[in-house]
Protein backbone atom coordinates (compact mmCIF):
# COMPACT_ATOMS: atom_id res chain seq x y z
CA MET A 1 0.13 4.52 15.13
CA GLU A 2 -2.72 5.90 17.17
CA ASP A 3 -3.20 8.90 14.89
CA HIS A 4 -4.02 6.72 11.87
CA ARG A 5 -1.11 7.81 9.71
CA ASP A 6 -2.29 6.44 6.38
CA TYR A 7 1.16 6.73 4.81
CA ARG A 8 2.27 3.90 7.08
CA LEU A 9 -0.45 1.70 5.59
CA THR A 10 0.91 2.39 2.12
CA ALA A 11 4.45 1.64 3.27
CA TYR A 12 3.14 -1.53 4.93
CA LEU A 13 1.42 -2.62 1.72
CA PHE A 14 4.59 -2.07 -0.32
CA ASP A 15 6.90 -3.72 2.25
CA GLY A 16 8.54 -0.39 2.98
CA LEU A 17 8.69 -0.70 6.77
CA SER A 18 11.26 -2.14 9.10
CA ALA A 19 10.35 -5.29 11.00
CA GLU A 20 9.52 -3.13 14.01
CA GLY A 21 7.37 -0.83 11.89
CA ARG A 22 5.47 -3.81 10.45
CA ARG A 23 4.82 -5.12 13.96
CA GLU A 24 3.53 -1.72 15.06
CA VAL A 25 1.16 -1.48 12.10
CA GLU A 26 -0.03 -5.07 12.57
CA ALA A 27 -0.69 -4.43 16.26
CA HIS A 28 -2.64 -1.30 15.35
CA LEU A 29 -4.61 -3.12 12.65
CA ALA A 30 -5.64 -5.77 15.17
CA GLY A 31 -7.64 -3.16 17.07
CA CYS A 32 -8.61 -0.60 14.43
CA ALA A 33 -11.41 -1.37 12.00
CA ARG A 34 -10.93 1.97 10.26
CA CYS A 35 -7.34 1.16 9.32
CA ARG A 36 -8.20 -2.44 8.36
CA ASP A 37 -10.84 -1.05 5.99
CA GLU A 38 -8.38 1.49 4.59
CA LEU A 39 -5.78 -1.24 4.00
CA ALA A 40 -8.40 -3.37 2.24
CA GLU A 41 -9.22 -0.43 -0.04
CA LEU A 42 -5.54 0.13 -0.78
CA ARG A 43 -5.15 -3.55 -1.69
CA LYS A 44 -8.24 -3.37 -3.91
CA THR A 45 -6.88 -0.29 -5.69
CA LEU A 46 -3.51 -1.95 -6.20
CA GLY A 47 -5.27 -4.97 -7.68
CA LEU A 48 -7.16 -2.75 -10.13
CA VAL A 49 -3.95 -1.01 -11.17
CA LYS A 50 -2.20 -4.33 -11.72
CA ALA A 51 -5.15 -5.63 -13.75
CA ALA A 52 -5.06 -2.53 -15.96
CA LEU A 53 -1.38 -2.85 -16.83
CA PRO A 54 -0.40 -4.37 -20.16
CA ALA A 55 0.67 -8.01 -20.00
CA GLY A 56 4.21 -8.43 -18.75
CA GLU A 57 4.28 -5.23 -16.69
CA GLU A 58 3.93 -5.07 -12.93
CA ALA A 59 2.99 -2.33 -10.51
CA ALA A 60 5.40 -1.77 -7.65
CA GLY A 61 4.42 -3.83 -4.65
C-alpha cells in the first residue's frame, strides 16, 4: 500500500477487505501518518452521515 491508495482505506473502513488486505492496510497505517489522518477523516465523515440519518436508518458500514 505504499502508493497510498485511498480506496483501500474506504474498503477497510467498511470491512470490505480480505483478512490479508486488512493486515496490509494495518501494517501500512502503523507507519503512515498521512493515511492514519485520512482514515480518521473518513470515520468522522461516516459519523456525520450516520448522525444526519433519520432515526431507525443506518449508513452502510
